[in-house]
């Protein structure tokens, strides 16, 4: 990243909430202008752990095409310890995964809570922008 550029010029940052047991796809983001993906799952409600955490790609940006599993953390001991408000876990894929899946146009995290009343906020960071822009991450207040 250039010293004169803002993070928002080289990364796209979005957030989604999952308030269901799952596993469920937590929002879809377009990948066509990026080469790296990072997600942070932050526990906002509940006391049960996670039982599913997977990054999936799709042939369409909105997830309505064909899914491909990119990385699965289902057997990770970390998932059972993400069981209290304020706990978090990171998951990511790099350039090599994007290169190996050239038809991938969308990416998402599939997340599952052990308990149906638990909730998490998932932050996505797409980076490795193929074309730098002044507005990859919006300043808009939702």
N, C-alpha and C. Protein backbone atom coordinates (compact mmCIF):
# COMPACT_ATOMS: atom_id res chain seq x y z
N UNK A 1 0.85 -1.16 0.00
CA UNK A 1 0.00 0.00 0.00
C UNK A 1 0.90 1.23 0.00
N UNK A 2 0.60 2.15 -0.84
CA UNK A 2 1.37 3.38 -0.94
C UNK A 2 1.20 4.23 0.32
N UNK A 3 2.27 4.91 0.70
CA UNK A 3 2.22 5.76 1.89
C UNK A 3 1.24 6.92 1.76
N UNK A 4 0.91 7.30 0.54
CA UNK A 4 0.02 8.43 0.31
C UNK A 4 -1.44 8.04 0.11
N UNK A 5 -1.74 6.77 0.20
CA UNK A 5 -3.10 6.32 -0.03
C UNK A 5 -3.78 5.94 1.28
N UNK A 6 -5.09 6.11 1.31
CA UNK A 6 -5.90 5.68 2.44
C UNK A 6 -6.19 4.19 2.29
N UNK A 7 -6.47 3.52 3.40
CA UNK A 7 -6.86 2.12 3.37
C UNK A 7 -8.10 1.94 2.48
N UNK A 8 -9.04 2.90 2.54
CA UNK A 8 -10.28 2.80 1.77
C UNK A 8 -10.06 2.91 0.26
N UNK A 9 -8.87 3.28 -0.17
CA UNK A 9 -8.56 3.33 -1.59
C UNK A 9 -8.03 2.00 -2.11
N UNK A 10 -7.61 1.12 -1.20
CA UNK A 10 -7.01 -0.14 -1.62
C UNK A 10 -7.72 -1.36 -1.05
N UNK A 11 -8.70 -1.15 -0.19
CA UNK A 11 -9.45 -2.25 0.42
C UNK A 11 -10.94 -1.92 0.40
N UNK A 12 -11.75 -2.95 0.29
CA UNK A 12 -13.19 -2.80 0.45
C UNK A 12 -13.58 -3.47 1.76
N UNK A 13 -14.23 -2.74 2.64
CA UNK A 13 -14.57 -3.24 3.96
C UNK A 13 -16.09 -3.19 4.13
N UNK A 14 -16.68 -4.33 4.48
CA UNK A 14 -18.12 -4.40 4.71
C UNK A 14 -18.37 -5.24 5.95
N UNK A 15 -19.58 -5.09 6.52
CA UNK A 15 -19.95 -5.86 7.71
C UNK A 15 -21.35 -6.44 7.54
N UNK A 16 -21.53 -7.62 8.11
CA UNK A 16 -22.82 -8.31 8.07
C UNK A 16 -23.09 -8.93 9.44
N UNK A 17 -24.36 -9.22 9.72
CA UNK A 17 -24.73 -9.86 10.98
C UNK A 17 -25.43 -11.17 10.69
N UNK A 18 -25.12 -12.17 11.50
CA UNK A 18 -25.85 -13.44 11.45
C UNK A 18 -26.46 -13.66 12.82
N UNK A 19 -27.80 -13.75 12.86
CA UNK A 19 -28.49 -13.99 14.12
C UNK A 19 -29.36 -15.24 14.00
N UNK A 20 -28.73 -16.32 13.55
CA UNK A 20 -29.41 -17.59 13.38
C UNK A 20 -28.43 -18.71 13.70
N UNK A 21 -28.95 -19.89 13.85
CA UNK A 21 -28.09 -21.03 14.16
C UNK A 21 -27.16 -21.34 12.99
N UNK A 22 -27.71 -21.38 11.78
CA UNK A 22 -26.90 -21.65 10.60
C UNK A 22 -26.60 -23.14 10.48
N UNK A 23 -25.64 -23.52 9.67
CA UNK A 23 -24.77 -22.59 8.95
C UNK A 23 -25.53 -21.84 7.85
N UNK A 24 -25.10 -20.61 7.67
CA UNK A 24 -25.70 -19.75 6.67
C UNK A 24 -24.62 -18.88 6.03
N UNK A 25 -24.82 -18.56 4.76
CA UNK A 25 -23.91 -17.64 4.06
C UNK A 25 -24.18 -16.25 4.62
N UNK A 26 -23.13 -15.56 5.01
CA UNK A 26 -23.25 -14.24 5.65
C UNK A 26 -22.87 -13.17 4.63
N UNK A 27 -23.81 -12.81 3.77
CA UNK A 27 -23.55 -11.78 2.76
C UNK A 27 -22.59 -12.25 1.68
N UNK A 28 -22.70 -11.69 0.53
CA UNK A 28 -21.81 -11.99 -0.59
C UNK A 28 -21.18 -10.69 -1.06
N UNK A 29 -19.90 -10.76 -1.42
CA UNK A 29 -19.21 -9.60 -1.96
C UNK A 29 -18.53 -9.99 -3.26
N UNK A 30 -18.49 -9.05 -4.19
CA UNK A 30 -17.87 -9.28 -5.50
C UNK A 30 -16.35 -9.29 -5.36
N UNK A 31 -15.71 -10.21 -6.06
CA UNK A 31 -14.26 -10.37 -5.96
C UNK A 31 -13.50 -9.91 -7.19
N UNK A 32 -14.18 -9.49 -8.23
CA UNK A 32 -13.53 -9.26 -9.51
C UNK A 32 -12.38 -8.25 -9.48
N UNK A 33 -12.36 -7.33 -8.55
CA UNK A 33 -11.30 -6.34 -8.51
C UNK A 33 -10.26 -6.57 -7.41
N UNK A 34 -10.28 -7.76 -6.79
CA UNK A 34 -9.42 -8.02 -5.63
C UNK A 34 -8.70 -9.36 -5.75
N UNK A 35 -7.69 -9.54 -4.90
CA UNK A 35 -6.94 -10.79 -4.92
C UNK A 35 -6.70 -11.37 -3.53
N UNK A 36 -7.30 -10.79 -2.50
CA UNK A 36 -7.17 -11.30 -1.13
C UNK A 36 -8.46 -11.05 -0.38
N UNK A 37 -8.78 -11.95 0.58
CA UNK A 37 -10.01 -11.84 1.36
C UNK A 37 -9.73 -12.22 2.80
N UNK A 38 -10.19 -11.40 3.72
CA UNK A 38 -10.05 -11.64 5.15
C UNK A 38 -11.40 -11.41 5.81
N UNK A 39 -11.76 -12.26 6.76
CA UNK A 39 -13.00 -12.07 7.52
C UNK A 39 -12.71 -12.21 9.00
N UNK A 40 -13.34 -11.36 9.79
CA UNK A 40 -13.30 -11.46 11.25
C UNK A 40 -14.72 -11.72 11.73
N UNK A 41 -14.90 -12.77 12.50
CA UNK A 41 -16.18 -13.10 13.11
C UNK A 41 -16.11 -12.64 14.56
N UNK A 42 -16.99 -11.71 14.94
CA UNK A 42 -17.05 -11.15 16.29
C UNK A 42 -18.35 -11.57 16.94
N UNK A 43 -18.28 -12.23 18.09
CA UNK A 43 -19.47 -12.68 18.80
C UNK A 43 -20.12 -11.50 19.51
N UNK A 44 -21.35 -11.20 19.15
CA UNK A 44 -22.06 -10.05 19.72
C UNK A 44 -23.16 -10.44 20.71
N UNK A 45 -23.66 -11.68 20.63
CA UNK A 45 -24.70 -12.18 21.54
C UNK A 45 -24.48 -13.67 21.72
N UNK A 46 -24.65 -14.17 22.95
CA UNK A 46 -24.68 -15.61 23.15
C UNK A 46 -23.54 -16.19 23.97
N UNK A 47 -23.68 -17.50 24.21
CA UNK A 47 -22.70 -18.22 25.01
C UNK A 47 -22.27 -19.54 24.39
N UNK A 48 -22.84 -19.89 23.24
CA UNK A 48 -22.44 -21.13 22.56
C UNK A 48 -21.32 -20.85 21.59
N UNK A 49 -20.57 -21.87 21.25
CA UNK A 49 -19.47 -21.71 20.30
C UNK A 49 -19.96 -21.68 18.86
N UNK A 50 -19.02 -21.73 17.95
CA UNK A 50 -19.31 -21.84 16.52
C UNK A 50 -19.17 -23.30 16.13
N UNK A 51 -20.02 -23.77 15.22
CA UNK A 51 -19.86 -25.14 14.74
C UNK A 51 -19.58 -25.19 13.24
N UNK A 52 -19.53 -24.05 12.60
CA UNK A 52 -19.18 -24.00 11.17
C UNK A 52 -18.53 -22.67 10.86
N UNK A 53 -17.45 -22.71 10.12
CA UNK A 53 -16.77 -21.50 9.65
C UNK A 53 -16.02 -21.87 8.38
N UNK A 54 -16.58 -21.42 7.26
CA UNK A 54 -16.04 -21.78 5.95
C UNK A 54 -16.04 -20.55 5.05
N UNK A 55 -15.01 -20.40 4.25
CA UNK A 55 -15.03 -19.40 3.18
C UNK A 55 -15.43 -20.13 1.92
N UNK A 56 -16.45 -19.59 1.26
CA UNK A 56 -16.91 -20.18 0.01
C UNK A 56 -16.85 -19.15 -1.11
N UNK A 57 -16.49 -19.61 -2.28
CA UNK A 57 -16.52 -18.78 -3.47
C UNK A 57 -17.71 -19.18 -4.32
N UNK A 58 -18.07 -18.34 -5.28
CA UNK A 58 -19.20 -18.63 -6.15
C UNK A 58 -18.92 -18.06 -7.53
N UNK A 59 -19.50 -18.69 -8.53
CA UNK A 59 -19.31 -18.25 -9.90
C UNK A 59 -20.06 -16.98 -10.23
N UNK A 60 -20.96 -16.54 -9.34
CA UNK A 60 -21.67 -15.27 -9.50
C UNK A 60 -21.46 -14.41 -8.26
N UNK A 61 -21.36 -13.11 -8.45
CA UNK A 61 -21.04 -12.18 -7.36
C UNK A 61 -22.06 -12.20 -6.23
N UNK A 62 -23.32 -12.52 -6.53
CA UNK A 62 -24.36 -12.51 -5.50
C UNK A 62 -24.57 -13.89 -4.86
N UNK A 63 -23.73 -14.86 -5.19
CA UNK A 63 -23.82 -16.18 -4.60
C UNK A 63 -24.86 -17.09 -5.21
N UNK A 64 -25.50 -16.70 -6.30
CA UNK A 64 -26.56 -17.51 -6.89
C UNK A 64 -26.06 -18.52 -7.92
N UNK A 65 -24.75 -18.60 -8.10
CA UNK A 65 -24.17 -19.57 -9.04
C UNK A 65 -23.73 -20.83 -8.32
N UNK A 66 -22.60 -21.36 -8.73
CA UNK A 66 -22.06 -22.59 -8.17
C UNK A 66 -21.04 -22.29 -7.08
N UNK A 67 -21.26 -22.88 -5.89
CA UNK A 67 -20.35 -22.69 -4.76
C UNK A 67 -19.12 -23.58 -4.88
N UNK A 68 -18.01 -23.09 -4.35
CA UNK A 68 -16.81 -23.89 -4.17
C UNK A 68 -16.25 -23.57 -2.78
N UNK A 69 -15.97 -24.62 -2.01
CA UNK A 69 -15.41 -24.42 -0.68
C UNK A 69 -13.93 -24.06 -0.81
N UNK A 70 -13.54 -22.94 -0.22
CA UNK A 70 -12.16 -22.47 -0.32
C UNK A 70 -11.33 -22.84 0.90
N UNK A 71 -11.92 -22.72 2.08
CA UNK A 71 -11.25 -23.11 3.32
C UNK A 71 -12.32 -23.43 4.36
N UNK A 72 -12.09 -24.50 5.14
CA UNK A 72 -13.06 -24.92 6.14
C UNK A 72 -12.35 -25.06 7.49
N UNK A 73 -12.88 -24.38 8.50
CA UNK A 73 -12.32 -24.44 9.85
C UNK A 73 -13.21 -25.24 10.79
N UNK A 74 -14.07 -26.10 10.26
CA UNK A 74 -15.05 -26.83 11.08
C UNK A 74 -14.40 -27.67 12.17
N UNK A 75 -13.25 -28.23 11.93
CA UNK A 75 -12.60 -29.09 12.91
C UNK A 75 -11.63 -28.35 13.81
N UNK A 76 -11.57 -27.05 13.67
CA UNK A 76 -10.63 -26.25 14.46
C UNK A 76 -11.09 -26.13 15.90
N UNK A 77 -10.18 -26.36 16.83
CA UNK A 77 -10.51 -26.19 18.25
C UNK A 77 -10.89 -24.75 18.55
N UNK A 78 -10.43 -23.81 17.75
CA UNK A 78 -10.74 -22.40 17.94
C UNK A 78 -12.24 -22.15 17.93
N UNK A 79 -12.98 -22.85 17.09
CA UNK A 79 -14.41 -22.58 16.94
C UNK A 79 -15.17 -22.79 18.25
N UNK A 80 -14.84 -23.81 19.00
CA UNK A 80 -15.57 -24.06 20.24
C UNK A 80 -15.26 -23.01 21.31
N UNK A 81 -14.14 -22.30 21.16
CA UNK A 81 -13.77 -21.29 22.16
C UNK A 81 -14.30 -19.90 21.83
N UNK A 82 -14.91 -19.75 20.66
CA UNK A 82 -15.52 -18.47 20.29
C UNK A 82 -16.95 -18.50 20.83
N UNK A 83 -17.07 -18.43 22.16
CA UNK A 83 -18.34 -18.75 22.81
C UNK A 83 -18.85 -17.67 23.77
N UNK A 84 -18.27 -16.48 23.71
CA UNK A 84 -18.72 -15.41 24.60
C UNK A 84 -18.71 -14.08 23.85
N UNK A 85 -19.54 -13.17 24.30
CA UNK A 85 -19.57 -11.83 23.71
C UNK A 85 -18.16 -11.23 23.78
N UNK A 86 -17.70 -10.71 22.67
CA UNK A 86 -16.38 -10.12 22.59
C UNK A 86 -15.31 -11.06 22.02
N UNK A 87 -15.60 -12.35 21.93
CA UNK A 87 -14.67 -13.28 21.31
C UNK A 87 -14.66 -13.07 19.80
N UNK A 88 -13.56 -13.40 19.16
CA UNK A 88 -13.49 -13.27 17.71
C UNK A 88 -12.51 -14.28 17.14
N UNK A 89 -12.64 -14.52 15.85
CA UNK A 89 -11.75 -15.41 15.11
C UNK A 89 -11.57 -14.84 13.71
N UNK A 90 -10.39 -15.04 13.15
CA UNK A 90 -10.08 -14.56 11.80
C UNK A 90 -9.95 -15.74 10.85
N UNK A 91 -10.29 -15.51 9.60
CA UNK A 91 -10.13 -16.50 8.54
C UNK A 91 -9.84 -15.75 7.26
N UNK A 92 -8.95 -16.28 6.41
CA UNK A 92 -8.61 -15.55 5.19
C UNK A 92 -8.08 -16.48 4.10
N UNK A 93 -8.13 -15.97 2.88
CA UNK A 93 -7.50 -16.63 1.73
C UNK A 93 -6.73 -15.58 0.95
N UNK A 94 -5.66 -16.02 0.31
CA UNK A 94 -4.79 -15.10 -0.41
C UNK A 94 -4.84 -15.26 -1.92
N UNK A 95 -3.91 -14.62 -2.55
CA UNK A 95 -3.79 -14.58 -4.00
C UNK A 95 -3.83 -15.97 -4.64
N UNK A 96 -3.17 -16.94 -4.02
CA UNK A 96 -3.11 -18.28 -4.60
C UNK A 96 -4.48 -18.93 -4.74
N UNK A 97 -5.39 -18.64 -3.80
CA UNK A 97 -6.76 -19.18 -3.86
C UNK A 97 -7.54 -18.50 -4.98
N UNK A 98 -7.37 -17.19 -5.12
CA UNK A 98 -8.02 -16.46 -6.21
C UNK A 98 -7.51 -16.97 -7.56
N UNK A 99 -6.20 -17.18 -7.67
CA UNK A 99 -5.61 -17.69 -8.92
C UNK A 99 -6.12 -19.08 -9.26
N UNK A 100 -6.32 -19.92 -8.24
CA UNK A 100 -6.78 -21.30 -8.45
C UNK A 100 -8.26 -21.38 -8.79
N UNK A 101 -8.99 -20.28 -8.61
CA UNK A 101 -10.44 -20.25 -8.87
C UNK A 101 -10.78 -19.07 -9.77
N UNK A 102 -10.32 -19.11 -11.03
CA UNK A 102 -10.49 -17.95 -11.92
C UNK A 102 -11.93 -17.61 -12.27
N UNK A 103 -12.87 -18.53 -12.07
CA UNK A 103 -14.28 -18.23 -12.38
C UNK A 103 -15.02 -17.68 -11.17
N UNK A 104 -14.32 -17.50 -10.04
CA UNK A 104 -14.96 -16.99 -8.83
C UNK A 104 -15.22 -15.50 -8.97
N UNK A 105 -16.49 -15.12 -8.82
CA UNK A 105 -16.89 -13.72 -8.88
C UNK A 105 -17.45 -13.20 -7.56
N UNK A 106 -17.74 -14.12 -6.62
CA UNK A 106 -18.27 -13.73 -5.32
C UNK A 106 -17.63 -14.56 -4.22
N UNK A 107 -17.64 -14.02 -3.01
CA UNK A 107 -17.07 -14.72 -1.87
C UNK A 107 -17.89 -14.41 -0.63
N UNK A 108 -17.96 -15.39 0.29
CA UNK A 108 -18.76 -15.25 1.50
C UNK A 108 -18.19 -16.15 2.59
N UNK A 109 -18.61 -15.89 3.81
CA UNK A 109 -18.34 -16.79 4.93
C UNK A 109 -19.63 -17.53 5.23
N UNK A 110 -19.53 -18.84 5.37
CA UNK A 110 -20.65 -19.64 5.86
C UNK A 110 -20.38 -19.89 7.34
N UNK A 111 -21.31 -19.47 8.17
CA UNK A 111 -21.10 -19.47 9.62
C UNK A 111 -22.23 -20.20 10.31
N UNK A 112 -21.88 -20.97 11.33
CA UNK A 112 -22.89 -21.65 12.12
C UNK A 112 -22.66 -21.45 13.60
N UNK A 113 -23.73 -21.10 14.31
CA UNK A 113 -23.69 -20.99 15.77
C UNK A 113 -24.20 -22.29 16.38
N UNK A 114 -23.64 -22.69 17.50
CA UNK A 114 -24.11 -23.88 18.20
C UNK A 114 -25.53 -23.66 18.73
N UNK A 115 -25.82 -22.45 19.15
CA UNK A 115 -27.12 -22.11 19.73
C UNK A 115 -27.87 -21.14 18.81
N UNK A 116 -29.15 -21.40 18.58
CA UNK A 116 -29.95 -20.61 17.64
C UNK A 116 -30.10 -19.15 18.05
N UNK A 117 -29.97 -18.84 19.32
CA UNK A 117 -30.15 -17.46 19.78
C UNK A 117 -28.85 -16.65 19.74
N UNK A 118 -27.74 -17.26 19.36
CA UNK A 118 -26.46 -16.55 19.29
C UNK A 118 -26.39 -15.67 18.05
N UNK A 119 -25.56 -14.63 18.13
CA UNK A 119 -25.38 -13.70 17.01
C UNK A 119 -23.91 -13.36 16.86
N UNK A 120 -23.53 -13.05 15.63
CA UNK A 120 -22.16 -12.62 15.33
C UNK A 120 -22.20 -11.52 14.28
N UNK A 121 -21.21 -10.66 14.32
CA UNK A 121 -20.98 -9.66 13.28
C UNK A 121 -19.74 -10.10 12.53
N UNK A 122 -19.84 -10.13 11.21
CA UNK A 122 -18.73 -10.57 10.37
C UNK A 122 -18.26 -9.39 9.53
N UNK A 123 -16.98 -9.08 9.65
CA UNK A 123 -16.37 -8.00 8.88
C UNK A 123 -15.54 -8.60 7.75
N UNK A 124 -15.81 -8.15 6.53
CA UNK A 124 -15.07 -8.60 5.35
C UNK A 124 -14.10 -7.51 4.92
N UNK A 125 -12.89 -7.92 4.60
CA UNK A 125 -11.90 -7.01 4.01
C UNK A 125 -11.40 -7.66 2.74
N UNK A 126 -11.71 -7.05 1.62
CA UNK A 126 -11.15 -7.45 0.32
C UNK A 126 -9.99 -6.52 0.04
N UNK A 127 -8.84 -7.10 -0.28
CA UNK A 127 -7.67 -6.28 -0.53
C UNK A 127 -6.92 -6.80 -1.75
N UNK A 128 -5.75 -6.23 -1.97
CA UNK A 128 -5.04 -6.57 -3.19
C UNK A 128 -5.78 -6.01 -4.39
N UNK A 129 -6.27 -4.79 -4.26
CA UNK A 129 -7.07 -4.17 -5.32
C UNK A 129 -6.31 -4.17 -6.64
N UNK A 130 -6.97 -4.64 -7.67
CA UNK A 130 -6.35 -4.66 -8.99
C UNK A 130 -6.36 -3.27 -9.63
N UNK A 131 -7.29 -2.44 -9.16
CA UNK A 131 -7.35 -1.06 -9.62
C UNK A 131 -7.68 -0.18 -8.42
N UNK A 132 -6.75 0.68 -8.04
CA UNK A 132 -6.94 1.55 -6.89
C UNK A 132 -8.01 2.59 -7.21
N UNK A 133 -8.86 2.83 -6.22
CA UNK A 133 -9.95 3.78 -6.40
C UNK A 133 -10.14 4.56 -5.11
N UNK A 134 -10.69 5.76 -5.21
CA UNK A 134 -10.92 6.58 -4.04
C UNK A 134 -12.10 6.17 -3.20
N UNK A 135 -12.88 5.17 -3.64
CA UNK A 135 -14.10 4.85 -2.90
C UNK A 135 -14.39 3.35 -2.86
N UNK A 136 -13.38 2.54 -2.60
CA UNK A 136 -13.63 1.10 -2.47
C UNK A 136 -14.44 0.79 -1.22
N UNK A 137 -14.20 1.54 -0.16
CA UNK A 137 -15.01 1.44 1.07
C UNK A 137 -15.80 2.75 1.19
N UNK A 138 -17.08 2.62 1.31
CA UNK A 138 -17.95 3.79 1.33
C UNK A 138 -17.85 4.56 2.63
N UNK A 139 -18.01 5.88 2.55
CA UNK A 139 -18.08 6.74 3.73
C UNK A 139 -19.54 6.90 4.19
N UNK A 140 -20.47 6.31 3.47
CA UNK A 140 -21.89 6.49 3.76
C UNK A 140 -22.25 5.89 5.11
N UNK A 141 -23.17 6.54 5.81
CA UNK A 141 -23.67 6.03 7.07
C UNK A 141 -25.00 5.33 6.79
N UNK A 142 -25.06 4.07 7.20
CA UNK A 142 -26.28 3.29 6.91
C UNK A 142 -27.33 3.52 7.97
